[in-house]
N, C-alpha and C. Protein backbone atom coordinates (compact mmCIF):
# COMPACT_ATOMS: atom_id res chain seq x y z
N ILE A 1 -38.01 -36.04 101.67
CA ILE A 1 -37.96 -36.66 100.35
C ILE A 1 -36.99 -37.83 100.44
N SER A 2 -37.35 -38.90 99.78
CA SER A 2 -36.47 -40.07 99.78
C SER A 2 -35.20 -39.76 98.99
N PRO A 3 -34.09 -40.40 99.32
CA PRO A 3 -32.86 -40.18 98.56
C PRO A 3 -33.03 -40.49 97.07
N GLU A 4 -33.84 -41.47 96.75
CA GLU A 4 -34.06 -41.84 95.35
C GLU A 4 -34.79 -40.72 94.60
N ALA A 5 -35.87 -40.22 95.20
CA ALA A 5 -36.62 -39.13 94.57
C ALA A 5 -35.78 -37.87 94.48
N SER A 6 -34.98 -37.64 95.50
CA SER A 6 -34.08 -36.48 95.49
C SER A 6 -33.10 -36.55 94.33
N ALA A 7 -32.50 -37.72 94.13
CA ALA A 7 -31.54 -37.90 93.04
C ALA A 7 -32.22 -37.71 91.69
N GLN A 8 -33.44 -38.23 91.56
CA GLN A 8 -34.17 -38.09 90.30
C GLN A 8 -34.48 -36.62 90.00
N ARG A 9 -34.95 -35.89 91.01
CA ARG A 9 -35.26 -34.47 90.80
C ARG A 9 -34.00 -33.67 90.48
N THR A 10 -32.91 -34.01 91.15
CA THR A 10 -31.65 -33.31 90.88
C THR A 10 -31.21 -33.53 89.45
N SER A 11 -31.33 -34.75 88.96
CA SER A 11 -30.91 -35.03 87.58
C SER A 11 -31.82 -34.31 86.58
N GLN A 12 -33.09 -34.16 86.90
CA GLN A 12 -34.01 -33.44 86.02
C GLN A 12 -33.74 -31.94 86.04
N ARG A 13 -33.38 -31.45 87.21
CA ARG A 13 -33.13 -30.02 87.38
C ARG A 13 -31.81 -29.61 86.71
N GLY A 14 -30.80 -30.44 86.89
CA GLY A 14 -29.55 -30.23 86.19
C GLY A 14 -28.51 -29.37 86.87
N ASN A 15 -28.86 -28.55 87.83
CA ASN A 15 -27.86 -27.71 88.48
C ASN A 15 -27.63 -28.19 89.91
N GLU A 16 -26.63 -29.02 90.09
CA GLU A 16 -26.35 -29.61 91.40
C GLU A 16 -25.65 -28.61 92.31
N ASN A 17 -25.99 -28.69 93.59
CA ASN A 17 -25.23 -27.95 94.59
C ASN A 17 -24.38 -28.95 95.37
N HIS A 18 -23.65 -28.49 96.36
CA HIS A 18 -22.74 -29.39 97.08
C HIS A 18 -23.47 -30.52 97.81
N LEU A 19 -24.68 -30.29 98.26
CA LEU A 19 -25.43 -31.36 98.93
C LEU A 19 -25.95 -32.39 97.93
N ASP A 20 -26.32 -31.93 96.74
CA ASP A 20 -26.80 -32.84 95.71
C ASP A 20 -25.72 -33.83 95.29
N LYS A 21 -24.48 -33.43 95.43
CA LYS A 21 -23.36 -34.28 95.00
C LYS A 21 -23.00 -35.34 96.04
N GLN A 22 -23.63 -35.28 97.20
CA GLN A 22 -23.37 -36.28 98.24
C GLN A 22 -24.01 -37.61 97.84
N SER A 23 -23.55 -38.66 98.46
CA SER A 23 -24.04 -40.00 98.14
C SER A 23 -25.48 -40.19 98.64
N ALA A 24 -26.14 -41.19 98.08
CA ALA A 24 -27.50 -41.53 98.52
C ALA A 24 -27.47 -41.93 99.99
N GLU A 25 -26.39 -42.58 100.42
CA GLU A 25 -26.26 -42.98 101.82
C GLU A 25 -26.25 -41.74 102.73
N PHE A 26 -25.48 -40.73 102.34
CA PHE A 26 -25.43 -39.49 103.11
C PHE A 26 -26.82 -38.85 103.17
N ARG A 27 -27.49 -38.72 102.03
CA ARG A 27 -28.82 -38.11 102.00
C ARG A 27 -29.81 -38.91 102.84
N GLY A 28 -29.65 -40.23 102.84
CA GLY A 28 -30.51 -41.08 103.66
C GLY A 28 -30.29 -40.84 105.15
N ARG A 29 -29.03 -40.66 105.54
CA ARG A 29 -28.72 -40.37 106.96
C ARG A 29 -29.29 -39.02 107.37
N VAL A 30 -29.17 -38.02 106.50
CA VAL A 30 -29.71 -36.69 106.80
C VAL A 30 -31.22 -36.78 106.96
N ARG A 31 -31.87 -37.47 106.03
CA ARG A 31 -33.33 -37.63 106.10
C ARG A 31 -33.74 -38.33 107.38
N ALA A 32 -33.04 -39.42 107.72
CA ALA A 32 -33.35 -40.17 108.93
C ALA A 32 -33.21 -39.31 110.17
N ARG A 33 -32.19 -38.47 110.20
CA ARG A 33 -31.98 -37.60 111.37
C ARG A 33 -33.10 -36.57 111.48
N PHE A 34 -33.50 -35.98 110.36
CA PHE A 34 -34.60 -35.02 110.41
C PHE A 34 -35.90 -35.70 110.84
N LEU A 35 -36.16 -36.90 110.35
CA LEU A 35 -37.37 -37.62 110.76
C LEU A 35 -37.31 -37.94 112.25
N SER A 36 -36.13 -38.27 112.75
CA SER A 36 -35.95 -38.53 114.18
C SER A 36 -36.23 -37.26 114.99
N LEU A 37 -35.69 -36.14 114.54
CA LEU A 37 -35.95 -34.87 115.23
C LEU A 37 -37.44 -34.55 115.23
N ALA A 38 -38.11 -34.79 114.12
CA ALA A 38 -39.54 -34.52 114.03
C ALA A 38 -40.33 -35.40 114.99
N GLU A 39 -39.91 -36.64 115.14
CA GLU A 39 -40.59 -37.54 116.06
C GLU A 39 -40.36 -37.12 117.51
N GLU A 40 -39.14 -36.67 117.81
CA GLU A 40 -38.81 -36.24 119.17
C GLU A 40 -39.44 -34.90 119.53
N ASN A 41 -39.69 -34.08 118.54
CA ASN A 41 -40.20 -32.71 118.75
C ASN A 41 -41.37 -32.40 117.82
N PRO A 42 -42.49 -33.09 117.98
CA PRO A 42 -43.59 -32.89 117.03
C PRO A 42 -44.17 -31.48 117.05
N HIS A 43 -43.95 -30.75 118.12
CA HIS A 43 -44.43 -29.37 118.20
C HIS A 43 -43.54 -28.41 117.41
N ARG A 44 -42.35 -28.87 117.00
CA ARG A 44 -41.41 -28.00 116.27
C ARG A 44 -41.27 -28.35 114.80
N TYR A 45 -41.68 -29.54 114.42
CA TYR A 45 -41.48 -30.01 113.04
C TYR A 45 -42.79 -30.52 112.45
N VAL A 46 -42.93 -30.35 111.16
CA VAL A 46 -44.03 -30.94 110.40
C VAL A 46 -43.39 -31.75 109.29
N VAL A 47 -43.77 -33.00 109.17
CA VAL A 47 -43.23 -33.86 108.13
C VAL A 47 -44.18 -33.82 106.93
N ILE A 48 -43.63 -33.43 105.80
CA ILE A 48 -44.38 -33.37 104.54
C ILE A 48 -43.79 -34.42 103.61
N ASN A 49 -44.64 -35.23 103.00
CA ASN A 49 -44.16 -36.24 102.05
C ASN A 49 -43.79 -35.54 100.75
N ALA A 50 -42.51 -35.26 100.58
CA ALA A 50 -42.05 -34.53 99.39
C ALA A 50 -41.83 -35.45 98.20
N ASP A 51 -42.13 -36.74 98.33
CA ASP A 51 -42.07 -37.65 97.18
C ASP A 51 -43.29 -37.46 96.27
N GLN A 52 -44.27 -36.72 96.74
CA GLN A 52 -45.49 -36.47 95.97
C GLN A 52 -45.21 -35.43 94.88
N PRO A 53 -46.15 -35.27 93.94
CA PRO A 53 -46.01 -34.20 92.94
C PRO A 53 -45.90 -32.83 93.63
N ALA A 54 -45.20 -31.91 92.99
CA ALA A 54 -44.93 -30.59 93.58
C ALA A 54 -46.20 -29.88 94.01
N GLN A 55 -47.27 -29.96 93.23
CA GLN A 55 -48.53 -29.29 93.59
C GLN A 55 -49.08 -29.83 94.91
N LYS A 56 -49.03 -31.14 95.09
CA LYS A 56 -49.53 -31.75 96.33
C LYS A 56 -48.64 -31.36 97.51
N VAL A 57 -47.33 -31.32 97.30
CA VAL A 57 -46.41 -30.90 98.36
C VAL A 57 -46.74 -29.47 98.77
N SER A 58 -46.96 -28.61 97.79
CA SER A 58 -47.30 -27.21 98.06
C SER A 58 -48.60 -27.11 98.86
N GLU A 59 -49.60 -27.89 98.48
CA GLU A 59 -50.88 -27.88 99.19
C GLU A 59 -50.71 -28.37 100.63
N ASP A 60 -49.90 -29.41 100.82
CA ASP A 60 -49.66 -29.94 102.17
C ASP A 60 -48.93 -28.91 103.04
N ILE A 61 -47.97 -28.20 102.45
CA ILE A 61 -47.26 -27.16 103.19
C ILE A 61 -48.22 -26.06 103.60
N ALA A 62 -49.07 -25.62 102.67
CA ALA A 62 -50.04 -24.56 102.97
C ALA A 62 -51.00 -25.00 104.08
N ALA A 63 -51.45 -26.25 104.03
CA ALA A 63 -52.37 -26.76 105.05
C ALA A 63 -51.68 -26.81 106.41
N ALA A 64 -50.42 -27.26 106.44
CA ALA A 64 -49.68 -27.32 107.70
C ALA A 64 -49.45 -25.92 108.26
N LEU A 65 -49.14 -24.98 107.39
CA LEU A 65 -48.93 -23.60 107.83
C LEU A 65 -50.23 -23.01 108.37
N ASP A 66 -51.34 -23.24 107.67
CA ASP A 66 -52.64 -22.76 108.15
C ASP A 66 -52.95 -23.32 109.53
N ALA A 67 -52.70 -24.61 109.72
CA ALA A 67 -52.97 -25.25 111.01
C ALA A 67 -52.10 -24.65 112.11
N ALA A 68 -50.83 -24.41 111.82
CA ALA A 68 -49.93 -23.83 112.81
C ALA A 68 -50.35 -22.41 113.17
N LEU A 69 -50.73 -21.63 112.16
CA LEU A 69 -51.17 -20.26 112.42
C LEU A 69 -52.47 -20.25 113.21
N ASP A 70 -53.39 -21.15 112.87
CA ASP A 70 -54.65 -21.24 113.62
C ASP A 70 -54.37 -21.62 115.08
N ALA A 71 -53.47 -22.58 115.30
CA ALA A 71 -53.14 -23.02 116.65
C ALA A 71 -52.52 -21.89 117.47
N ALA A 72 -51.81 -20.99 116.80
CA ALA A 72 -51.18 -19.86 117.48
C ALA A 72 -52.12 -18.66 117.59
N GLY A 73 -53.35 -18.82 117.11
CA GLY A 73 -54.30 -17.72 117.15
C GLY A 73 -54.03 -16.66 116.10
N LEU A 74 -53.28 -17.01 115.09
CA LEU A 74 -52.92 -16.05 114.05
C LEU A 74 -53.54 -16.39 112.70
N GLY A 75 -54.44 -17.35 112.69
CA GLY A 75 -55.01 -17.82 111.44
C GLY A 75 -56.07 -16.89 110.89
N ARG A 76 -57.25 -17.37 110.84
CA ARG A 76 -58.34 -16.62 110.22
C ARG A 76 -58.65 -15.34 110.99
N ARG A 77 -59.03 -14.31 110.25
CA ARG A 77 -59.40 -13.03 110.87
C ARG A 77 -60.76 -13.17 111.55
N PRO A 78 -60.93 -12.49 112.67
CA PRO A 78 -62.25 -12.49 113.30
C PRO A 78 -63.29 -11.93 112.35
N GLN A 79 -64.52 -12.36 112.52
CA GLN A 79 -65.62 -11.92 111.66
C GLN A 79 -65.69 -10.40 111.65
N GLY A 80 -65.85 -9.83 110.47
CA GLY A 80 -65.99 -8.39 110.35
C GLY A 80 -64.71 -7.65 110.03
N GLN A 81 -63.56 -8.28 110.20
CA GLN A 81 -62.31 -7.61 109.85
C GLN A 81 -62.13 -7.62 108.35
N GLN A 82 -61.58 -6.56 107.82
CA GLN A 82 -61.41 -6.41 106.38
C GLN A 82 -60.23 -7.24 105.89
N ASP A 83 -60.39 -7.83 104.70
CA ASP A 83 -59.32 -8.60 104.06
C ASP A 83 -58.48 -7.65 103.22
N HIS A 84 -57.22 -7.48 103.59
CA HIS A 84 -56.31 -6.59 102.86
C HIS A 84 -55.35 -7.37 101.99
N SER A 85 -55.61 -8.64 101.75
CA SER A 85 -54.65 -9.47 101.02
C SER A 85 -54.45 -9.00 99.59
N GLN A 86 -55.43 -8.33 99.00
CA GLN A 86 -55.29 -7.86 97.63
C GLN A 86 -54.91 -6.37 97.56
N THR A 87 -54.75 -5.75 98.72
CA THR A 87 -54.37 -4.34 98.76
C THR A 87 -52.89 -4.21 98.46
N PRO A 88 -52.52 -3.31 97.54
CA PRO A 88 -51.09 -3.14 97.25
C PRO A 88 -50.34 -2.71 98.51
N ARG A 89 -49.18 -3.28 98.72
CA ARG A 89 -48.37 -2.96 99.88
C ARG A 89 -47.51 -1.74 99.57
N ARG A 90 -47.32 -0.92 100.57
CA ARG A 90 -46.50 0.27 100.42
C ARG A 90 -45.05 -0.07 100.73
N SER A 91 -44.15 0.69 100.15
CA SER A 91 -42.74 0.44 100.40
C SER A 91 -42.38 0.83 101.83
N SER A 92 -41.29 0.28 102.33
CA SER A 92 -40.82 0.62 103.68
C SER A 92 -40.54 2.10 103.79
N ALA A 93 -39.97 2.68 102.74
CA ALA A 93 -39.67 4.12 102.76
C ALA A 93 -40.94 4.94 102.90
N ASP A 94 -42.01 4.55 102.18
CA ASP A 94 -43.28 5.26 102.29
C ASP A 94 -43.87 5.13 103.68
N LEU A 95 -43.77 3.93 104.26
CA LEU A 95 -44.31 3.71 105.60
C LEU A 95 -43.56 4.54 106.63
N LEU A 96 -42.25 4.60 106.52
CA LEU A 96 -41.45 5.37 107.47
C LEU A 96 -41.73 6.86 107.35
N ALA A 97 -42.03 7.32 106.16
CA ALA A 97 -42.28 8.74 105.93
C ALA A 97 -43.71 9.14 106.30
N SER A 98 -44.58 8.16 106.48
CA SER A 98 -45.99 8.43 106.74
C SER A 98 -46.21 8.96 108.15
N ASP A 99 -47.17 9.88 108.28
CA ASP A 99 -47.57 10.38 109.59
C ASP A 99 -48.67 9.51 110.20
N ASP A 100 -49.21 8.57 109.41
CA ASP A 100 -50.30 7.71 109.85
C ASP A 100 -49.74 6.54 110.64
N PRO A 101 -49.98 6.44 111.96
CA PRO A 101 -49.43 5.34 112.75
C PRO A 101 -50.03 3.98 112.40
N ASP A 102 -51.18 3.98 111.73
CA ASP A 102 -51.83 2.72 111.35
C ASP A 102 -51.55 2.32 109.92
N ALA A 103 -50.65 3.01 109.24
CA ALA A 103 -50.34 2.72 107.84
C ALA A 103 -49.73 1.34 107.71
N THR A 104 -50.16 0.62 106.65
CA THR A 104 -49.58 -0.70 106.37
C THR A 104 -49.20 -0.81 104.93
C-alpha cells in the first residue's frame, strides 16, 4: 500500500498503532524494502496492490493463495473426493478423545 493510501485509511479507521504514527517517509522506506525483497525472492513473496478497494484486495489475495496451493499440489481436490468445507469441525478435545484415527 502506498504511504498516502495508508495514511488515509489510518485516519478513517481512527485507532493508530505505533507504526501508523511513523512518518510517510518511514512508511515509504518500509514499502520500498518489501518490494525489493519481493523482486529478489519472487518465489517467497506475492505483491498485492493494496491501494485498491478492500474487496478487490481480498479477491487478489484469495487468487494468489489458490495459485500457491495449486503449485504446491495442495489446491483442488482430485475428482471424486468429497468436499467437507461445509461440514462442522469438531473440537480438538473431541478429536483427541475419539477412537477413530480418520476423524477430522
